[in-house]
């Protein structure tokens, strides 16, 4: 592939857990449109603090941290209190990636959280 073609190719990574319904919907939506992407499995590949810090520059903490799931509900009150500040929330998400809302969709130009076909369509329409 020449350099011009490589720069025009959408580099897309989907972060999540394979059995998550929202992740499955996003992956199926992309596959149905013939979109190549990389899948990063939080359970097998983990997530590091630097990546989360980077994401939090764009995505608000309350959008990235999943407080509705069973993992959150299973945390002690002391552990949940750590999530008030981003440093504590990052520590929790690194230790338990199931605390991250899914999927996290990352391209060279944007990042968003959750299955959103409008945002996916917009992302694919970008040059």
N, C-alpha and C. Protein backbone atom coordinates (compact mmCIF):
# COMPACT_ATOMS: atom_id res chain seq x y z
N UNK A 1 0.85 -1.17 0.00
CA UNK A 1 0.00 0.00 0.00
C UNK A 1 0.90 1.23 0.00
N UNK A 2 0.63 2.21 -0.89
CA UNK A 2 1.46 3.40 -0.92
C UNK A 2 1.08 4.34 0.22
N UNK A 3 1.91 5.36 0.45
CA UNK A 3 1.71 6.23 1.60
C UNK A 3 0.39 7.00 1.51
N UNK A 4 -0.01 7.47 0.35
CA UNK A 4 -1.26 8.20 0.22
C UNK A 4 -2.45 7.32 0.59
N UNK A 5 -2.42 6.08 0.14
CA UNK A 5 -3.52 5.17 0.47
C UNK A 5 -3.54 4.87 1.97
N UNK A 6 -2.39 4.68 2.57
CA UNK A 6 -2.33 4.38 4.00
C UNK A 6 -2.90 5.53 4.82
N UNK A 7 -2.63 6.77 4.42
CA UNK A 7 -3.12 7.90 5.19
C UNK A 7 -4.63 8.07 5.03
N UNK A 8 -5.18 7.56 3.93
CA UNK A 8 -6.62 7.67 3.71
C UNK A 8 -7.40 6.54 4.39
N UNK A 9 -6.72 5.52 4.81
CA UNK A 9 -7.38 4.38 5.44
C UNK A 9 -7.76 4.73 6.87
N UNK A 10 -9.00 4.44 7.22
CA UNK A 10 -9.48 4.69 8.57
C UNK A 10 -8.88 3.65 9.51
N UNK A 11 -8.16 4.12 10.49
CA UNK A 11 -7.61 3.25 11.52
C UNK A 11 -8.61 3.26 12.68
N UNK A 12 -9.26 2.15 12.89
CA UNK A 12 -10.34 2.08 13.85
C UNK A 12 -10.08 0.94 14.83
N UNK A 13 -10.19 1.25 16.11
CA UNK A 13 -10.04 0.23 17.14
C UNK A 13 -11.27 0.25 18.02
N UNK A 14 -11.81 -0.94 18.26
CA UNK A 14 -12.95 -1.11 19.14
C UNK A 14 -12.43 -1.78 20.40
N UNK A 15 -12.64 -1.13 21.54
CA UNK A 15 -12.21 -1.65 22.83
C UNK A 15 -13.44 -2.15 23.57
N UNK A 16 -13.34 -3.34 24.15
CA UNK A 16 -14.47 -3.86 24.89
C UNK A 16 -14.29 -5.30 25.28
N UNK A 17 -15.41 -5.94 25.50
CA UNK A 17 -15.48 -7.34 25.91
C UNK A 17 -16.35 -8.06 24.89
N UNK A 18 -15.88 -9.19 24.36
CA UNK A 18 -16.61 -9.84 23.25
C UNK A 18 -18.06 -10.18 23.53
N UNK A 19 -18.41 -10.52 24.76
CA UNK A 19 -19.79 -10.92 25.03
C UNK A 19 -20.71 -9.75 25.40
N UNK A 20 -20.21 -8.53 25.38
CA UNK A 20 -21.01 -7.34 25.66
C UNK A 20 -21.94 -7.07 24.47
N UNK A 21 -23.22 -6.90 24.72
CA UNK A 21 -24.20 -6.69 23.66
C UNK A 21 -23.89 -5.45 22.83
N UNK A 22 -23.50 -4.36 23.48
CA UNK A 22 -23.18 -3.12 22.75
C UNK A 22 -21.95 -3.29 21.86
N UNK A 23 -20.98 -4.03 22.35
CA UNK A 23 -19.78 -4.31 21.55
C UNK A 23 -20.17 -5.18 20.35
N UNK A 24 -20.99 -6.18 20.59
CA UNK A 24 -21.43 -7.05 19.49
C UNK A 24 -22.19 -6.27 18.43
N UNK A 25 -23.05 -5.35 18.84
CA UNK A 25 -23.80 -4.53 17.88
C UNK A 25 -22.86 -3.66 17.04
N UNK A 26 -21.89 -3.05 17.69
CA UNK A 26 -20.94 -2.19 16.97
C UNK A 26 -20.11 -3.01 16.00
N UNK A 27 -19.61 -4.13 16.44
CA UNK A 27 -18.81 -4.97 15.56
C UNK A 27 -19.63 -5.48 14.38
N UNK A 28 -20.87 -5.89 14.62
CA UNK A 28 -21.74 -6.37 13.54
C UNK A 28 -22.06 -5.23 12.55
N UNK A 29 -22.29 -4.04 13.07
CA UNK A 29 -22.59 -2.89 12.22
C UNK A 29 -21.41 -2.60 11.30
N UNK A 30 -20.21 -2.60 11.85
CA UNK A 30 -19.00 -2.33 11.05
C UNK A 30 -18.76 -3.44 10.04
N UNK A 31 -18.90 -4.69 10.46
CA UNK A 31 -18.68 -5.83 9.57
C UNK A 31 -19.67 -5.81 8.42
N UNK A 32 -20.93 -5.47 8.70
CA UNK A 32 -21.95 -5.43 7.64
C UNK A 32 -21.63 -4.38 6.58
N UNK A 33 -20.84 -3.39 6.95
CA UNK A 33 -20.46 -2.33 6.01
C UNK A 33 -19.05 -2.52 5.45
N UNK A 34 -18.46 -3.67 5.76
CA UNK A 34 -17.14 -3.98 5.23
C UNK A 34 -16.02 -3.14 5.80
N UNK A 35 -16.20 -2.63 7.01
CA UNK A 35 -15.20 -1.77 7.64
C UNK A 35 -14.21 -2.62 8.42
N UNK A 36 -12.93 -2.43 8.11
CA UNK A 36 -11.89 -3.12 8.87
C UNK A 36 -11.66 -2.38 10.18
N UNK A 37 -11.44 -3.14 11.23
CA UNK A 37 -11.15 -2.55 12.53
C UNK A 37 -10.33 -3.55 13.32
N UNK A 38 -9.72 -3.05 14.37
CA UNK A 38 -8.99 -3.89 15.31
C UNK A 38 -9.84 -3.98 16.56
N UNK A 39 -9.94 -5.19 17.11
CA UNK A 39 -10.67 -5.36 18.36
C UNK A 39 -9.69 -5.59 19.49
N UNK A 40 -9.83 -4.81 20.54
CA UNK A 40 -8.99 -4.93 21.73
C UNK A 40 -9.87 -5.45 22.87
N UNK A 41 -9.61 -6.66 23.31
CA UNK A 41 -10.38 -7.32 24.35
C UNK A 41 -9.82 -6.93 25.72
N UNK A 42 -10.60 -6.15 26.47
CA UNK A 42 -10.17 -5.71 27.80
C UNK A 42 -9.83 -6.88 28.70
N UNK A 43 -10.58 -7.96 28.60
CA UNK A 43 -10.37 -9.11 29.50
C UNK A 43 -9.04 -9.80 29.23
N UNK A 44 -8.67 -9.92 27.95
CA UNK A 44 -7.44 -10.62 27.58
C UNK A 44 -6.24 -9.69 27.49
N UNK A 45 -6.45 -8.48 26.97
CA UNK A 45 -5.34 -7.57 26.70
C UNK A 45 -5.20 -6.46 27.73
N UNK A 46 -6.20 -6.31 28.58
CA UNK A 46 -6.15 -5.28 29.61
C UNK A 46 -6.22 -3.88 29.04
N UNK A 47 -6.00 -2.93 29.91
CA UNK A 47 -5.97 -1.52 29.54
C UNK A 47 -5.00 -0.85 30.51
N UNK A 48 -4.24 0.12 30.01
CA UNK A 48 -3.28 0.75 30.90
C UNK A 48 -3.70 2.17 31.27
N UNK A 49 -3.11 2.67 32.33
CA UNK A 49 -3.48 3.98 32.87
C UNK A 49 -3.25 5.09 31.86
N UNK A 50 -2.18 5.03 31.09
CA UNK A 50 -1.91 6.08 30.12
C UNK A 50 -3.00 6.16 29.06
N UNK A 51 -3.49 5.02 28.62
CA UNK A 51 -4.56 5.01 27.63
C UNK A 51 -5.81 5.66 28.22
N UNK A 52 -6.15 5.31 29.45
CA UNK A 52 -7.33 5.87 30.09
C UNK A 52 -7.18 7.38 30.29
N UNK A 53 -5.99 7.83 30.68
CA UNK A 53 -5.74 9.27 30.83
C UNK A 53 -5.97 9.99 29.50
N UNK A 54 -5.50 9.39 28.45
CA UNK A 54 -5.68 9.96 27.11
C UNK A 54 -7.17 10.04 26.76
N UNK A 55 -7.90 8.97 26.98
CA UNK A 55 -9.33 8.95 26.69
C UNK A 55 -10.06 10.02 27.50
N UNK A 56 -9.65 10.21 28.76
CA UNK A 56 -10.33 11.17 29.63
C UNK A 56 -10.07 12.62 29.23
N UNK A 57 -9.16 12.84 28.32
CA UNK A 57 -8.98 14.19 27.78
C UNK A 57 -10.11 14.55 26.84
N UNK A 58 -10.80 13.54 26.32
CA UNK A 58 -11.90 13.74 25.38
C UNK A 58 -13.24 13.31 25.95
N UNK A 59 -13.25 12.20 26.66
CA UNK A 59 -14.49 11.62 27.18
C UNK A 59 -14.60 11.95 28.68
N UNK A 60 -15.71 12.52 29.11
CA UNK A 60 -15.88 12.79 30.55
C UNK A 60 -15.87 11.50 31.37
N UNK A 61 -15.37 11.60 32.58
CA UNK A 61 -15.26 10.44 33.46
C UNK A 61 -16.61 9.76 33.65
N UNK A 62 -17.68 10.54 33.83
CA UNK A 62 -18.98 9.93 34.06
C UNK A 62 -19.51 9.18 32.85
N UNK A 63 -18.94 9.45 31.68
CA UNK A 63 -19.32 8.73 30.47
C UNK A 63 -18.47 7.46 30.30
N UNK A 64 -17.22 7.50 30.75
CA UNK A 64 -16.31 6.36 30.57
C UNK A 64 -16.47 5.31 31.67
N UNK A 65 -16.77 5.74 32.88
CA UNK A 65 -16.89 4.82 34.02
C UNK A 65 -18.31 4.28 34.10
N UNK A 66 -18.44 2.96 34.03
CA UNK A 66 -19.75 2.31 34.06
C UNK A 66 -20.19 2.07 35.50
N UNK A 67 -21.10 2.92 35.97
CA UNK A 67 -21.61 2.78 37.34
C UNK A 67 -22.92 2.03 37.39
N UNK A 68 -23.36 1.49 36.25
CA UNK A 68 -24.63 0.77 36.21
C UNK A 68 -24.45 -0.75 36.23
N UNK A 69 -23.24 -1.21 36.02
CA UNK A 69 -23.02 -2.65 35.89
C UNK A 69 -22.82 -3.37 37.22
N UNK A 70 -22.78 -4.68 37.12
CA UNK A 70 -22.62 -5.50 38.31
C UNK A 70 -21.23 -5.34 38.93
N UNK A 71 -20.23 -5.04 38.12
CA UNK A 71 -18.89 -4.86 38.68
C UNK A 71 -18.88 -3.67 39.62
N UNK A 72 -19.50 -2.56 39.21
CA UNK A 72 -19.58 -1.37 40.07
C UNK A 72 -20.35 -1.68 41.35
N UNK A 73 -21.48 -2.32 41.20
CA UNK A 73 -22.31 -2.63 42.37
C UNK A 73 -21.60 -3.57 43.34
N UNK A 74 -20.67 -4.36 42.83
CA UNK A 74 -19.93 -5.28 43.68
C UNK A 74 -18.77 -4.65 44.42
N UNK A 75 -18.46 -3.40 44.10
CA UNK A 75 -17.36 -2.72 44.79
C UNK A 75 -17.80 -2.25 46.17
N UNK A 76 -16.87 -2.20 47.08
CA UNK A 76 -17.17 -1.65 48.40
C UNK A 76 -17.40 -0.14 48.27
N UNK A 77 -18.02 0.44 49.28
CA UNK A 77 -18.25 1.89 49.28
C UNK A 77 -16.92 2.64 49.24
N UNK A 78 -15.91 2.11 49.90
CA UNK A 78 -14.59 2.75 49.88
C UNK A 78 -13.99 2.75 48.47
N UNK A 79 -14.13 1.63 47.78
CA UNK A 79 -13.62 1.54 46.41
C UNK A 79 -14.39 2.49 45.49
N UNK A 80 -15.71 2.52 45.64
CA UNK A 80 -16.51 3.44 44.82
C UNK A 80 -16.12 4.89 45.07
N UNK A 81 -15.78 5.20 46.31
CA UNK A 81 -15.39 6.57 46.65
C UNK A 81 -14.11 6.99 45.92
N UNK A 82 -13.26 6.03 45.58
CA UNK A 82 -12.04 6.34 44.83
C UNK A 82 -12.35 6.94 43.46
N UNK A 83 -13.49 6.59 42.92
CA UNK A 83 -13.85 7.00 41.55
C UNK A 83 -14.29 8.45 41.44
N UNK A 84 -14.34 9.16 42.56
CA UNK A 84 -14.72 10.58 42.51
C UNK A 84 -13.67 11.37 41.74
N UNK A 85 -12.43 11.02 41.92
CA UNK A 85 -11.31 11.68 41.21
C UNK A 85 -10.86 10.78 40.07
N UNK A 86 -10.38 11.40 39.00
CA UNK A 86 -9.99 10.60 37.84
C UNK A 86 -8.86 9.63 38.15
N UNK A 87 -7.91 10.01 39.01
CA UNK A 87 -6.79 9.12 39.33
C UNK A 87 -7.31 7.83 39.98
N UNK A 88 -8.24 7.96 40.90
CA UNK A 88 -8.81 6.78 41.55
C UNK A 88 -9.64 5.95 40.60
N UNK A 89 -10.40 6.63 39.74
CA UNK A 89 -11.22 5.92 38.75
C UNK A 89 -10.33 5.15 37.77
N UNK A 90 -9.23 5.76 37.37
CA UNK A 90 -8.29 5.09 36.47
C UNK A 90 -7.73 3.84 37.13
N UNK A 91 -7.36 3.96 38.38
CA UNK A 91 -6.84 2.80 39.12
C UNK A 91 -7.86 1.67 39.15
N UNK A 92 -9.12 2.01 39.40
CA UNK A 92 -10.17 1.00 39.43
C UNK A 92 -10.37 0.36 38.05
N UNK A 93 -10.38 1.19 36.99
CA UNK A 93 -10.63 0.67 35.64
C UNK A 93 -9.47 -0.19 35.15
N UNK A 94 -8.25 0.14 35.54
CA UNK A 94 -7.11 -0.71 35.17
C UNK A 94 -7.23 -2.07 35.86
N UNK A 95 -7.61 -2.05 37.13
CA UNK A 95 -7.73 -3.29 37.90
C UNK A 95 -8.93 -4.12 37.45
N UNK A 96 -10.02 -3.43 37.05
CA UNK A 96 -11.25 -4.13 36.66
C UNK A 96 -11.80 -3.48 35.39
N UNK A 97 -11.32 -3.87 34.23
CA UNK A 97 -11.74 -3.24 32.98
C UNK A 97 -13.24 -3.32 32.71
N UNK A 98 -13.95 -4.20 33.39
CA UNK A 98 -15.40 -4.25 33.22
C UNK A 98 -16.07 -2.97 33.70
N UNK A 99 -15.34 -2.13 34.41
CA UNK A 99 -15.87 -0.84 34.86
C UNK A 99 -15.89 0.20 33.74
N UNK A 100 -15.30 -0.12 32.60
CA UNK A 100 -15.27 0.81 31.48
C UNK A 100 -16.52 0.58 30.63
N UNK A 101 -17.24 1.67 30.34
CA UNK A 101 -18.40 1.55 29.46
C UNK A 101 -17.91 1.09 28.10
N UNK A 102 -18.76 0.34 27.40
CA UNK A 102 -18.35 -0.27 26.15
C UNK A 102 -19.38 -0.05 25.06
N UNK A 103 -18.89 -0.14 23.84
CA UNK A 103 -17.49 -0.15 23.43
C UNK A 103 -16.89 1.26 23.48
N UNK A 104 -15.57 1.30 23.51
CA UNK A 104 -14.85 2.54 23.30
C UNK A 104 -14.36 2.47 21.86
N UNK A 105 -14.78 3.43 21.05
CA UNK A 105 -14.44 3.45 19.63
C UNK A 105 -13.41 4.55 19.42
N UNK A 106 -12.24 4.16 18.91
CA UNK A 106 -11.14 5.10 18.75
C UNK A 106 -10.66 5.09 17.30
N UNK A 107 -10.58 6.27 16.72
CA UNK A 107 -9.98 6.43 15.39
C UNK A 107 -8.90 7.48 15.49
N UNK A 108 -8.28 7.77 14.36
CA UNK A 108 -7.23 8.80 14.36
C UNK A 108 -7.78 10.18 14.68
N UNK A 109 -9.09 10.39 14.51
CA UNK A 109 -9.66 11.73 14.68
C UNK A 109 -10.69 11.84 15.80
N UNK A 110 -11.12 10.74 16.37
CA UNK A 110 -12.16 10.85 17.40
C UNK A 110 -12.18 9.64 18.33
N UNK A 111 -12.93 9.83 19.40
CA UNK A 111 -13.17 8.77 20.36
C UNK A 111 -14.59 8.96 20.90
N UNK A 112 -15.31 7.87 21.02
CA UNK A 112 -16.61 7.93 21.68
C UNK A 112 -16.90 6.60 22.35
N UNK A 113 -17.88 6.66 23.24
CA UNK A 113 -18.21 5.49 24.06
C UNK A 113 -19.65 5.08 23.80
N UNK A 114 -19.85 3.79 23.65
CA UNK A 114 -21.19 3.24 23.46
C UNK A 114 -21.49 2.96 22.00
N UNK A 115 -22.50 2.14 21.78
CA UNK A 115 -22.93 1.82 20.41
C UNK A 115 -23.79 2.97 19.92
N UNK A 116 -23.28 3.69 18.91
CA UNK A 116 -23.99 4.86 18.38
C UNK A 116 -23.82 4.85 16.86
N UNK A 117 -24.85 4.40 16.16
CA UNK A 117 -24.77 4.28 14.70
C UNK A 117 -24.61 5.64 14.01
N UNK A 118 -25.16 6.70 14.58
CA UNK A 118 -24.97 8.03 14.00
C UNK A 118 -23.51 8.45 14.06
N UNK A 119 -22.88 8.24 15.21
CA UNK A 119 -21.46 8.58 15.33
C UNK A 119 -20.60 7.69 14.45
N UNK A 120 -20.94 6.42 14.36
CA UNK A 120 -20.19 5.52 13.48
C UNK A 120 -20.30 5.98 12.03
N UNK A 121 -21.50 6.34 11.60
CA UNK A 121 -21.71 6.82 10.23
C UNK A 121 -20.91 8.10 9.98
N UNK A 122 -20.94 9.00 10.94
CA UNK A 122 -20.17 10.25 10.82
C UNK A 122 -18.68 9.96 10.71
N UNK A 123 -18.22 9.05 11.54
CA UNK A 123 -16.81 8.66 11.54
C UNK A 123 -16.39 8.11 10.17
N UNK A 124 -17.23 7.27 9.58
CA UNK A 124 -16.91 6.67 8.29
C UNK A 124 -16.96 7.69 7.16
N UNK A 125 -17.73 8.74 7.35
CA UNK A 125 -17.86 9.76 6.30
C UNK A 125 -16.71 10.76 6.30
N UNK A 126 -15.90 10.76 7.36
CA UNK A 126 -14.77 11.70 7.44
C UNK A 126 -13.69 11.31 6.45
N UNK A 127 -13.03 12.34 5.89
CA UNK A 127 -11.93 12.04 4.95
C UNK A 127 -10.74 11.42 5.63
